[in-house]
Amino acid sequence: MENLMRNYILKNISNTMIDIEEFIALYNDGKAELVDVRTPIETKIWQINFGLQIPANELPDRLDELPKDKIIICACPTIDRSIVARTYLASVGIETKYLKGGLLGMMERLKGGKVKDLKI
């Protein structure tokens, strides 16, 4: 974590996030995996039926579930937990970003017939 903080440069902050359109393209190409970092009760009430569901506080114990050949995209309703999860994953050497706009933004983008843009 110390190295992550020492190497933190404001101009590189855009490299920590991914917009929804870029995520969809990478996901459809098999180059990215979504990790929903919400709590179990949140995912039970409001489900998305793709990606991995790993609550942020369980990430340290479940790293072996993350694909090694894809960019890990952390997501929560907005971005708060996603940023924390992304920071942790980056600190242990995993290529990761957080979803700009969060799950709420993605659901807005995919509503109606546009859901077909995501290949699941």
N, C-alpha and C. Protein backbone atom coordinates (compact mmCIF):
# COMPACT_ATOMS: atom_id res chain seq x y z
N MET A 1 0.83 -1.18 0.00
CA MET A 1 0.00 0.00 0.00
C MET A 1 0.88 1.25 0.00
N GLU A 2 2.03 1.15 0.67
CA GLU A 2 2.93 2.30 0.70
C GLU A 2 3.40 2.66 -0.70
N ASN A 3 3.76 1.66 -1.51
CA ASN A 3 4.20 1.94 -2.88
C ASN A 3 3.08 2.55 -3.70
N LEU A 4 1.86 2.08 -3.50
CA LEU A 4 0.71 2.64 -4.21
C LEU A 4 0.57 4.13 -3.89
N MET A 5 0.71 4.48 -2.65
CA MET A 5 0.59 5.88 -2.24
C MET A 5 1.77 6.71 -2.74
N ARG A 6 2.96 6.15 -2.67
CA ARG A 6 4.14 6.89 -3.13
C ARG A 6 4.10 7.14 -4.63
N ASN A 7 3.49 6.24 -5.37
CA ASN A 7 3.42 6.37 -6.82
C ASN A 7 2.15 7.04 -7.32
N TYR A 8 1.31 7.48 -6.40
CA TYR A 8 0.06 8.13 -6.76
C TYR A 8 0.34 9.51 -7.36
N ILE A 9 -0.09 9.69 -8.59
CA ILE A 9 0.11 10.96 -9.30
C ILE A 9 -1.25 11.40 -9.82
N LEU A 10 -1.64 12.62 -9.52
CA LEU A 10 -2.96 13.11 -9.87
C LEU A 10 -3.26 12.97 -11.36
N LYS A 11 -2.29 13.20 -12.22
CA LYS A 11 -2.55 13.12 -13.65
C LYS A 11 -2.86 11.69 -14.10
N ASN A 12 -2.52 10.69 -13.28
CA ASN A 12 -2.80 9.30 -13.62
C ASN A 12 -4.13 8.80 -13.07
N ILE A 13 -4.89 9.66 -12.41
CA ILE A 13 -6.14 9.22 -11.79
C ILE A 13 -7.13 8.68 -12.82
N SER A 14 -7.09 9.20 -14.03
CA SER A 14 -8.01 8.70 -15.05
C SER A 14 -7.73 7.25 -15.40
N ASN A 15 -6.53 6.76 -15.12
CA ASN A 15 -6.20 5.35 -15.36
C ASN A 15 -6.84 4.42 -14.34
N THR A 16 -7.42 4.97 -13.28
CA THR A 16 -8.03 4.15 -12.24
C THR A 16 -9.50 3.87 -12.50
N MET A 17 -10.09 4.55 -13.48
CA MET A 17 -11.51 4.38 -13.76
C MET A 17 -11.73 4.00 -15.21
N ILE A 18 -12.93 3.48 -15.47
CA ILE A 18 -13.30 3.11 -16.83
C ILE A 18 -14.75 3.57 -17.05
N ASP A 19 -15.00 4.18 -18.20
CA ASP A 19 -16.38 4.60 -18.44
C ASP A 19 -17.19 3.41 -18.92
N ILE A 20 -18.49 3.55 -18.88
CA ILE A 20 -19.39 2.44 -19.16
C ILE A 20 -19.22 1.91 -20.57
N GLU A 21 -19.08 2.79 -21.55
CA GLU A 21 -18.93 2.35 -22.94
C GLU A 21 -17.66 1.51 -23.12
N GLU A 22 -16.57 1.97 -22.52
CA GLU A 22 -15.31 1.22 -22.64
C GLU A 22 -15.43 -0.12 -21.92
N PHE A 23 -16.09 -0.12 -20.76
CA PHE A 23 -16.30 -1.38 -20.05
C PHE A 23 -17.08 -2.38 -20.92
N ILE A 24 -18.18 -1.92 -21.51
CA ILE A 24 -19.00 -2.81 -22.35
C ILE A 24 -18.15 -3.41 -23.47
N ALA A 25 -17.36 -2.58 -24.13
CA ALA A 25 -16.51 -3.07 -25.22
C ALA A 25 -15.52 -4.11 -24.73
N LEU A 26 -14.82 -3.83 -23.62
CA LEU A 26 -13.84 -4.79 -23.10
C LEU A 26 -14.51 -6.07 -22.59
N TYR A 27 -15.66 -5.93 -21.94
CA TYR A 27 -16.39 -7.10 -21.44
C TYR A 27 -16.83 -7.98 -22.61
N ASN A 28 -17.38 -7.36 -23.65
CA ASN A 28 -17.84 -8.11 -24.82
C ASN A 28 -16.68 -8.81 -25.53
N ASP A 29 -15.48 -8.24 -25.44
CA ASP A 29 -14.29 -8.84 -26.05
C ASP A 29 -13.62 -9.86 -25.13
N GLY A 30 -14.16 -10.08 -23.94
CA GLY A 30 -13.58 -11.03 -23.00
C GLY A 30 -12.33 -10.53 -22.31
N LYS A 31 -12.14 -9.21 -22.29
CA LYS A 31 -10.92 -8.64 -21.71
C LYS A 31 -11.12 -8.05 -20.32
N ALA A 32 -12.37 -8.00 -19.84
CA ALA A 32 -12.65 -7.41 -18.54
C ALA A 32 -13.69 -8.26 -17.81
N GLU A 33 -13.62 -8.25 -16.48
CA GLU A 33 -14.60 -8.94 -15.65
C GLU A 33 -15.15 -7.94 -14.63
N LEU A 34 -16.45 -7.90 -14.50
CA LEU A 34 -17.09 -7.04 -13.52
C LEU A 34 -17.08 -7.74 -12.16
N VAL A 35 -16.73 -7.01 -11.12
CA VAL A 35 -16.82 -7.53 -9.76
C VAL A 35 -17.73 -6.57 -8.98
N ASP A 36 -18.90 -7.09 -8.65
CA ASP A 36 -19.91 -6.35 -7.89
C ASP A 36 -19.50 -6.45 -6.42
N VAL A 37 -19.11 -5.33 -5.82
CA VAL A 37 -18.57 -5.34 -4.46
C VAL A 37 -19.62 -4.97 -3.40
N ARG A 38 -20.89 -5.03 -3.79
CA ARG A 38 -21.95 -4.73 -2.83
C ARG A 38 -22.12 -5.86 -1.81
N THR A 39 -22.87 -5.59 -0.76
CA THR A 39 -23.13 -6.59 0.28
C THR A 39 -24.13 -7.62 -0.22
N PRO A 40 -24.17 -8.81 0.40
CA PRO A 40 -25.12 -9.84 -0.03
C PRO A 40 -26.58 -9.38 -0.02
N ILE A 41 -26.99 -8.61 0.97
CA ILE A 41 -28.38 -8.17 1.01
C ILE A 41 -28.68 -7.23 -0.17
N GLU A 42 -27.72 -6.42 -0.55
CA GLU A 42 -27.92 -5.53 -1.70
C GLU A 42 -28.06 -6.34 -2.99
N THR A 43 -27.21 -7.34 -3.16
CA THR A 43 -27.28 -8.12 -4.39
C THR A 43 -28.50 -9.03 -4.41
N LYS A 44 -29.00 -9.40 -3.25
CA LYS A 44 -30.22 -10.21 -3.19
C LYS A 44 -31.44 -9.39 -3.60
N ILE A 45 -31.48 -8.15 -3.16
CA ILE A 45 -32.62 -7.29 -3.46
C ILE A 45 -32.56 -6.78 -4.89
N TRP A 46 -31.38 -6.40 -5.33
CA TRP A 46 -31.21 -5.84 -6.68
C TRP A 46 -30.07 -6.58 -7.36
N GLN A 47 -30.43 -7.50 -8.23
CA GLN A 47 -29.44 -8.37 -8.85
C GLN A 47 -29.04 -7.90 -10.24
N ILE A 48 -27.79 -8.13 -10.55
CA ILE A 48 -27.34 -8.11 -11.94
C ILE A 48 -26.86 -9.53 -12.20
N ASN A 49 -27.16 -10.04 -13.34
CA ASN A 49 -26.94 -11.46 -13.59
C ASN A 49 -25.72 -11.75 -14.45
N PHE A 50 -24.66 -11.01 -14.22
CA PHE A 50 -23.38 -11.29 -14.86
C PHE A 50 -22.29 -10.76 -13.95
N GLY A 51 -21.08 -11.16 -14.22
CA GLY A 51 -19.97 -10.73 -13.38
C GLY A 51 -19.89 -11.57 -12.11
N LEU A 52 -18.96 -11.18 -11.26
CA LEU A 52 -18.75 -11.85 -9.98
C LEU A 52 -19.33 -11.01 -8.86
N GLN A 53 -19.89 -11.66 -7.87
CA GLN A 53 -20.39 -10.96 -6.69
C GLN A 53 -19.45 -11.28 -5.53
N ILE A 54 -18.60 -10.32 -5.21
CA ILE A 54 -17.67 -10.48 -4.09
C ILE A 54 -17.72 -9.19 -3.27
N PRO A 55 -18.37 -9.22 -2.11
CA PRO A 55 -18.41 -8.01 -1.28
C PRO A 55 -17.01 -7.47 -1.00
N ALA A 56 -16.88 -6.17 -0.96
CA ALA A 56 -15.57 -5.52 -0.80
C ALA A 56 -14.80 -6.08 0.39
N ASN A 57 -15.49 -6.30 1.51
CA ASN A 57 -14.78 -6.78 2.70
C ASN A 57 -14.34 -8.24 2.59
N GLU A 58 -14.79 -8.97 1.57
CA GLU A 58 -14.38 -10.35 1.37
C GLU A 58 -13.26 -10.50 0.33
N LEU A 59 -12.91 -9.41 -0.33
CA LEU A 59 -11.88 -9.49 -1.39
C LEU A 59 -10.57 -10.12 -0.93
N PRO A 60 -10.03 -9.74 0.24
CA PRO A 60 -8.74 -10.33 0.63
C PRO A 60 -8.76 -11.86 0.70
N ASP A 61 -9.91 -12.44 1.05
CA ASP A 61 -10.01 -13.89 1.18
C ASP A 61 -10.46 -14.59 -0.10
N ARG A 62 -10.81 -13.82 -1.13
CA ARG A 62 -11.37 -14.43 -2.34
C ARG A 62 -10.62 -14.04 -3.62
N LEU A 63 -9.38 -13.62 -3.47
CA LEU A 63 -8.59 -13.20 -4.62
C LEU A 63 -8.45 -14.30 -5.67
N ASP A 64 -8.45 -15.55 -5.21
CA ASP A 64 -8.28 -16.67 -6.15
C ASP A 64 -9.48 -16.83 -7.10
N GLU A 65 -10.59 -16.16 -6.82
CA GLU A 65 -11.77 -16.22 -7.69
C GLU A 65 -11.68 -15.24 -8.86
N LEU A 66 -10.72 -14.34 -8.81
CA LEU A 66 -10.59 -13.33 -9.85
C LEU A 66 -9.79 -13.89 -11.03
N PRO A 67 -10.29 -13.69 -12.24
CA PRO A 67 -9.52 -14.17 -13.40
C PRO A 67 -8.21 -13.40 -13.52
N LYS A 68 -7.16 -14.11 -13.85
CA LYS A 68 -5.83 -13.50 -13.95
C LYS A 68 -5.59 -12.86 -15.32
N ASP A 69 -6.42 -13.22 -16.30
CA ASP A 69 -6.19 -12.77 -17.68
C ASP A 69 -7.12 -11.64 -18.12
N LYS A 70 -7.80 -11.01 -17.16
CA LYS A 70 -8.74 -9.94 -17.48
C LYS A 70 -8.53 -8.74 -16.55
N ILE A 71 -8.92 -7.58 -17.02
CA ILE A 71 -8.93 -6.40 -16.16
C ILE A 71 -10.13 -6.53 -15.23
N ILE A 72 -9.91 -6.34 -13.96
CA ILE A 72 -10.99 -6.43 -12.98
C ILE A 72 -11.63 -5.05 -12.84
N ILE A 73 -12.94 -5.00 -13.07
CA ILE A 73 -13.68 -3.74 -12.96
C ILE A 73 -14.56 -3.82 -11.73
N CYS A 74 -14.24 -3.02 -10.73
CA CYS A 74 -15.01 -2.98 -9.49
C CYS A 74 -16.22 -2.08 -9.67
N ALA A 75 -17.37 -2.52 -9.13
CA ALA A 75 -18.59 -1.74 -9.27
C ALA A 75 -19.45 -1.84 -8.03
N CYS A 76 -20.09 -0.73 -7.71
CA CYS A 76 -21.09 -0.64 -6.66
C CYS A 76 -22.14 0.35 -7.18
N PRO A 77 -23.18 0.67 -6.42
CA PRO A 77 -24.20 1.57 -6.98
C PRO A 77 -23.65 2.89 -7.52
N THR A 78 -22.76 3.52 -6.79
CA THR A 78 -22.16 4.77 -7.28
C THR A 78 -20.68 4.50 -7.54
N ILE A 79 -19.79 4.98 -6.69
CA ILE A 79 -18.37 4.66 -6.88
C ILE A 79 -17.60 4.49 -5.58
N ASP A 80 -18.20 4.80 -4.45
CA ASP A 80 -17.45 4.84 -3.19
C ASP A 80 -16.74 3.54 -2.87
N ARG A 81 -17.48 2.45 -2.74
CA ARG A 81 -16.86 1.16 -2.41
C ARG A 81 -15.98 0.65 -3.55
N SER A 82 -16.36 0.99 -4.77
CA SER A 82 -15.57 0.56 -5.92
C SER A 82 -14.16 1.14 -5.87
N ILE A 83 -14.05 2.39 -5.48
CA ILE A 83 -12.73 3.02 -5.38
C ILE A 83 -11.90 2.33 -4.31
N VAL A 84 -12.51 2.03 -3.17
CA VAL A 84 -11.78 1.35 -2.09
C VAL A 84 -11.35 -0.04 -2.55
N ALA A 85 -12.26 -0.78 -3.18
CA ALA A 85 -11.94 -2.13 -3.66
C ALA A 85 -10.85 -2.08 -4.73
N ARG A 86 -10.95 -1.15 -5.65
CA ARG A 86 -9.94 -1.01 -6.70
C ARG A 86 -8.58 -0.70 -6.10
N THR A 87 -8.56 0.17 -5.12
CA THR A 87 -7.31 0.54 -4.48
C THR A 87 -6.67 -0.67 -3.79
N TYR A 88 -7.48 -1.44 -3.11
CA TYR A 88 -6.95 -2.65 -2.47
C TYR A 88 -6.39 -3.61 -3.52
N LEU A 89 -7.16 -3.90 -4.56
CA LEU A 89 -6.70 -4.84 -5.58
C LEU A 89 -5.42 -4.35 -6.25
N ALA A 90 -5.34 -3.07 -6.53
CA ALA A 90 -4.12 -2.52 -7.12
C ALA A 90 -2.93 -2.69 -6.17
N SER A 91 -3.19 -2.56 -4.87
CA SER A 91 -2.10 -2.69 -3.88
C SER A 91 -1.53 -4.09 -3.82
N VAL A 92 -2.30 -5.09 -4.27
CA VAL A 92 -1.79 -6.46 -4.28
C VAL A 92 -1.41 -6.90 -5.69
N GLY A 93 -1.30 -5.93 -6.61
CA GLY A 93 -0.77 -6.19 -7.93
C GLY A 93 -1.76 -6.65 -8.99
N ILE A 94 -3.03 -6.45 -8.76
CA ILE A 94 -4.05 -6.87 -9.73
C ILE A 94 -4.41 -5.69 -10.63
N GLU A 95 -4.48 -5.94 -11.94
CA GLU A 95 -4.88 -4.89 -12.89
C GLU A 95 -6.37 -4.62 -12.70
N THR A 96 -6.70 -3.41 -12.32
CA THR A 96 -8.08 -3.11 -11.93
C THR A 96 -8.44 -1.66 -12.17
N LYS A 97 -9.71 -1.43 -12.34
CA LYS A 97 -10.29 -0.08 -12.47
C LYS A 97 -11.63 -0.10 -11.77
N TYR A 98 -12.21 1.07 -11.55
CA TYR A 98 -13.58 1.10 -11.04
C TYR A 98 -14.48 1.69 -12.12
N LEU A 99 -15.75 1.29 -12.07
CA LEU A 99 -16.71 1.68 -13.08
C LEU A 99 -17.22 3.10 -12.82
N LYS A 100 -16.83 4.02 -13.68
CA LYS A 100 -17.26 5.41 -13.57
C LYS A 100 -18.78 5.45 -13.82
N GLY A 101 -19.51 6.03 -12.90
CA GLY A 101 -20.97 6.06 -13.00
C GLY A 101 -21.62 4.93 -12.22
N GLY A 102 -20.83 3.95 -11.83
CA GLY A 102 -21.33 2.86 -11.01
C GLY A 102 -22.38 2.00 -11.69
N LEU A 103 -22.94 1.09 -10.90
CA LEU A 103 -23.97 0.20 -11.41
C LEU A 103 -25.24 0.95 -11.79
N LEU A 104 -25.54 2.01 -11.06
CA LEU A 104 -26.72 2.81 -11.41
C LEU A 104 -26.56 3.43 -12.79
N GLY A 105 -25.38 3.94 -13.07
CA GLY A 105 -25.11 4.51 -14.38
C GLY A 105 -25.16 3.45 -15.47
N MET A 106 -24.64 2.27 -15.16
CA MET A 106 -24.67 1.21 -16.16
C MET A 106 -26.10 0.75 -16.44
N MET A 107 -26.91 0.63 -15.41
CA MET A 107 -28.30 0.21 -15.61
C MET A 107 -29.06 1.26 -16.43
N GLU A 108 -28.77 2.51 -16.19
CA GLU A 108 -29.39 3.58 -16.98
C GLU A 108 -28.97 3.44 -18.44
N ARG A 109 -27.70 3.16 -18.68
CA ARG A 109 -27.18 3.01 -20.05
C ARG A 109 -27.79 1.80 -20.75
N LEU A 110 -28.05 0.72 -20.00
CA LEU A 110 -28.52 -0.52 -20.60
C LEU A 110 -30.03 -0.71 -20.58
N LYS A 111 -30.78 0.27 -20.11
CA LYS A 111 -32.23 0.05 -19.99
C LYS A 111 -32.88 -0.08 -21.37
N GLY A 112 -34.00 -0.76 -21.34
CA GLY A 112 -34.73 -0.97 -22.59
C GLY A 112 -33.98 -1.87 -23.54
N GLY A 113 -34.12 -1.62 -24.79
CA GLY A 113 -33.48 -2.43 -25.83
C GLY A 113 -31.98 -2.35 -25.85
N LYS A 114 -31.40 -1.35 -25.17
CA LYS A 114 -29.93 -1.20 -25.17
C LYS A 114 -29.23 -2.28 -24.37
N VAL A 115 -29.98 -3.05 -23.60
CA VAL A 115 -29.38 -4.13 -22.84
C VAL A 115 -28.71 -5.14 -23.77
N LYS A 116 -29.16 -5.21 -24.99
CA LYS A 116 -28.57 -6.13 -25.97
C LYS A 116 -27.13 -5.74 -26.35
N ASP A 117 -26.71 -4.54 -25.99
CA ASP A 117 -25.33 -4.12 -26.26
C ASP A 117 -24.31 -4.90 -25.43
N LEU A 118 -24.76 -5.47 -24.31
CA LEU A 118 -23.89 -6.26 -23.43
C LEU A 118 -24.08 -7.73 -23.75
N LYS A 119 -23.01 -8.37 -24.12
CA LYS A 119 -23.08 -9.79 -24.50
C LYS A 119 -22.80 -10.66 -23.29
N ILE A 120 -23.88 -11.23 -22.75
CA ILE A 120 -23.72 -12.13 -21.59
C ILE A 120 -24.14 -13.53 -21.96
